Amino acid sequence: MPVHVINFTGPINASTCGQLIEKASTAVQQSASGLIVNIATMGGECSYGFTMYNFLLSLPISVHTHNLGTVESMGNIVFLAGQRRTACVHSKFLFHPFHWHLQGSVDHSRMSEYAMSLDYDLQLYARIVAERTEGAEEKLETEKYLIAAPRIIDPPQALACRLIQAIESPLVDAQSVTCSIHS
């Protein structure tokens, strides 16, 4: 059975989350030998990033994530779902503080809820990064990056941090079943 490839080149939101679940489920239903998710994203919404991460981990086939150029913000969590993780030689990872967009007026109760959610998401993000990079020669200071000091990580640094296992070009194979998610 062929490998299925999803080229994910968009934001992390309800639409792209649903598309990823649909396309990955199709790969499983078609007895794919594995799934490669090529990622180029500036990130997006926490809730959908965590959902995509958990879903990819649950798949009964191997998942390989590959950084096509830039993986930022919540994209790092989706990327870390790969059992095998690689990056192009000219790529980067960006960790930076969370930000939310609030619409209209907010009362005290709602603001407290937002603060709790923001804190919880920060802790969950940091825990996932720590779990998936355990044993790295260079430990990531994820909470620091998410609160006040953004960090760009290049591929050699990503190897040292165990974000990736190799620096390589994306797999382009005529036998692969390929699809795209871009918005």
Protein backbone atom coordinates (compact mmCIF):
# COMPACT_ATOMS: atom_id res chain seq x y z
CA MET A 1 0.00 0.00 0.00
CA PRO A 2 1.26 3.49 -0.77
CA VAL A 3 2.21 6.19 1.68
CA HIS A 4 -0.30 9.04 1.92
CA VAL A 5 1.02 12.60 1.99
CA ILE A 6 -0.87 15.61 3.31
CA ASN A 7 0.65 18.98 2.43
CA PHE A 8 -0.60 21.25 5.23
CA THR A 9 0.13 24.85 4.25
CA GLY A 10 -2.43 26.93 6.10
CA PRO A 11 -3.57 28.19 9.47
CA ILE A 12 -4.67 25.95 12.31
CA ASN A 13 -8.42 26.51 12.66
CA ALA A 14 -11.75 24.65 12.61
CA SER A 15 -11.69 24.18 8.84
CA THR A 16 -8.13 22.88 8.52
CA CYS A 17 -8.54 20.69 11.61
CA GLY A 18 -11.61 19.05 10.09
CA GLN A 19 -9.82 18.58 6.77
CA LEU A 20 -6.80 16.98 8.44
CA ILE A 21 -9.02 14.55 10.35
CA GLU A 22 -10.93 13.69 7.16
CA LYS A 23 -7.82 13.18 5.00
CA ALA A 24 -5.91 11.21 7.65
CA SER A 25 -8.99 9.02 8.26
CA THR A 26 -9.20 8.37 4.53
CA ALA A 27 -5.54 7.27 4.54
CA VAL A 28 -6.31 4.77 7.31
CA GLN A 29 -9.46 3.52 5.52
CA GLN A 30 -7.43 3.03 2.33
CA SER A 31 -4.84 0.97 4.24
CA ALA A 32 -2.01 3.46 3.74
CA SER A 33 1.38 2.12 4.78
CA GLY A 34 2.05 5.42 6.56
CA LEU A 35 1.17 9.09 6.64
CA ILE A 36 3.50 12.00 5.92
CA VAL A 37 2.29 15.46 6.93
CA ASN A 38 4.38 18.18 5.29
CA ILE A 39 3.78 21.33 7.32
CA ALA A 40 4.21 25.04 6.61
CA THR A 41 2.09 27.06 9.03
CA MET A 42 2.15 30.26 11.02
CA GLY A 43 0.04 28.50 13.66
CA GLY A 44 -3.45 29.29 14.81
CA GLU A 45 -5.97 28.35 17.44
CA CYS A 46 -4.84 26.34 20.48
CA SER A 47 -7.94 24.17 20.75
CA TYR A 48 -7.64 22.94 17.16
CA GLY A 49 -3.87 22.45 17.42
CA PHE A 50 -4.26 20.21 20.46
CA THR A 51 -7.09 18.35 18.70
CA MET A 52 -4.94 17.73 15.62
CA TYR A 53 -2.05 16.57 17.81
CA ASN A 54 -4.21 14.09 19.73
CA PHE A 55 -5.86 12.83 16.56
CA LEU A 56 -2.56 12.21 14.76
CA LEU A 57 -1.23 10.35 17.81
CA SER A 58 -4.28 8.08 17.77
CA LEU A 59 -3.79 6.87 14.21
CA PRO A 60 -2.99 3.16 13.77
CA ILE A 61 -0.37 3.96 11.08
CA SER A 62 3.01 5.65 11.36
CA VAL A 63 2.99 9.44 11.13
CA HIS A 64 5.98 11.38 9.78
CA THR A 65 5.84 15.17 10.09
CA HIS A 66 8.12 17.35 7.97
CA ASN A 67 8.81 21.09 8.22
CA LEU A 68 8.55 22.44 4.66
CA GLY A 69 9.78 25.93 5.56
CA THR A 70 8.30 27.37 8.72
CA VAL A 71 6.46 25.83 11.63
CA GLU A 72 5.30 28.46 14.07
CA SER A 73 3.33 28.76 17.26
CA MET A 74 0.61 26.08 17.52
CA GLY A 75 2.11 24.44 14.44
CA ASN A 76 4.88 23.13 16.70
CA ILE A 77 2.36 21.04 18.62
CA VAL A 78 0.87 19.53 15.45
CA PHE A 79 4.41 18.91 14.18
CA LEU A 80 5.37 17.09 17.39
CA ALA A 81 2.69 14.44 16.74
CA GLY A 82 5.04 12.79 14.25
CA GLN A 83 6.77 9.61 15.32
CA ARG A 84 9.41 10.61 12.77
CA ARG A 85 10.07 14.34 12.47
CA THR A 86 12.25 16.00 9.86
CA ALA A 87 12.89 19.46 8.43
CA CYS A 88 14.21 21.01 5.23
CA VAL A 89 17.71 22.48 5.47
CA HIS A 90 16.25 25.99 4.94
CA SER A 91 13.46 25.93 7.52
CA LYS A 92 12.71 27.26 10.97
CA PHE A 93 10.60 26.69 14.06
CA LEU A 94 9.20 29.67 15.98
CA PHE A 95 8.05 29.59 19.59
CA HIS A 96 6.42 32.83 20.80
CA PRO A 97 3.91 34.12 23.37
CA PHE A 98 0.26 33.19 22.97
CA HIS A 99 -2.19 35.89 22.02
CA TRP A 100 -5.95 35.92 21.86
CA HIS A 101 -8.30 38.21 20.01
CA LEU A 102 -11.24 39.29 22.14
CA GLN A 103 -14.42 40.63 20.59
CA GLY A 104 -16.63 43.17 22.33
CA SER A 105 -16.94 43.75 26.06
CA VAL A 106 -15.76 41.19 28.61
CA ASP A 107 -16.94 40.90 32.21
CA HIS A 108 -14.76 39.84 35.14
CA SER A 109 -16.01 36.26 35.11
CA ARG A 110 -15.25 35.82 31.41
CA MET A 111 -11.82 37.46 31.78
CA SER A 112 -11.01 34.99 34.60
CA GLU A 113 -12.09 32.12 32.37
CA TYR A 114 -9.85 33.39 29.53
CA ALA A 115 -6.88 33.71 31.91
CA MET A 116 -7.41 30.17 33.21
CA SER A 117 -7.65 28.81 29.66
CA LEU A 118 -4.56 30.70 28.57
CA ASP A 119 -2.59 29.37 31.56
CA TYR A 120 -3.84 25.83 30.98
CA ASP A 121 -2.97 25.94 27.27
CA LEU A 122 0.52 27.22 28.11
CA GLN A 123 1.11 24.36 30.56
CA LEU A 124 -0.29 21.77 28.14
CA TYR A 125 1.88 23.11 25.30
CA ALA A 126 5.01 23.03 27.49
CA ARG A 127 4.22 19.50 28.72
CA ILE A 128 3.80 18.18 25.16
CA VAL A 129 7.08 19.77 24.05
CA ALA A 130 8.88 18.29 27.08
CA GLU A 131 7.42 14.80 26.47
CA ARG A 132 8.21 14.76 22.74
CA THR A 133 11.77 16.11 23.13
CA GLU A 134 12.73 14.09 26.22
CA GLY A 135 16.41 13.25 26.40
CA ALA A 136 17.53 16.14 24.18
CA GLU A 137 21.08 17.41 24.53
CA GLU A 138 19.62 20.94 24.56
CA LYS A 139 16.46 21.35 26.67
CA LEU A 140 13.91 23.83 25.37
CA GLU A 141 12.75 26.55 27.76
CA THR A 142 9.24 26.44 26.35
CA GLU A 143 7.44 28.38 29.10
CA LYS A 144 9.94 31.22 28.74
CA TYR A 145 9.34 31.34 24.96
CA LEU A 146 5.58 31.33 25.43
CA ILE A 147 5.51 34.08 28.04
CA ALA A 148 8.14 36.66 27.16
CA ALA A 149 11.10 35.60 25.04
CA PRO A 150 10.29 34.23 21.57
CA ARG A 151 12.80 31.88 19.97
CA ILE A 152 13.56 30.84 16.40
CA ILE A 153 15.15 27.40 16.08
CA ASP A 154 17.02 26.42 12.91
CA PRO A 155 17.37 22.78 11.77
CA PRO A 156 20.75 22.07 13.45
CA GLN A 157 19.37 23.47 16.72
CA ALA A 158 16.17 21.44 16.17
CA LEU A 159 18.30 18.29 16.01
CA ALA A 160 19.98 19.18 19.32
CA CYS A 161 16.57 19.91 20.90
CA ARG A 162 15.08 16.65 19.52
CA LEU A 163 12.36 18.53 17.68
CA ILE A 164 13.56 16.57 14.64
CA GLN A 165 15.52 13.40 13.93
CA ALA A 166 16.95 14.48 10.56
CA ILE A 167 17.44 17.36 8.14
CA GLU A 168 16.26 16.27 4.70
CA SER A 169 14.16 17.17 1.69
CA PRO A 170 10.49 16.22 1.62
CA LEU A 171 9.58 12.87 0.09
CA VAL A 172 8.28 13.29 -3.45
CA ASP A 173 7.19 9.93 -4.79
CA ALA A 174 4.97 9.23 -7.80
CA GLN A 175 3.40 6.26 -5.96
CA SER A 176 2.28 8.34 -2.97
CA VAL A 177 -1.32 9.44 -2.58
CA THR A 178 -1.07 13.21 -2.12
CA CYS A 179 -3.57 15.85 -1.01
CA SER A 180 -3.38 19.41 0.30
CA ILE A 181 -4.88 21.53 3.05
CA HIS A 182 -4.31 25.26 2.66
CA SER A 183 -7.29 27.07 4.13
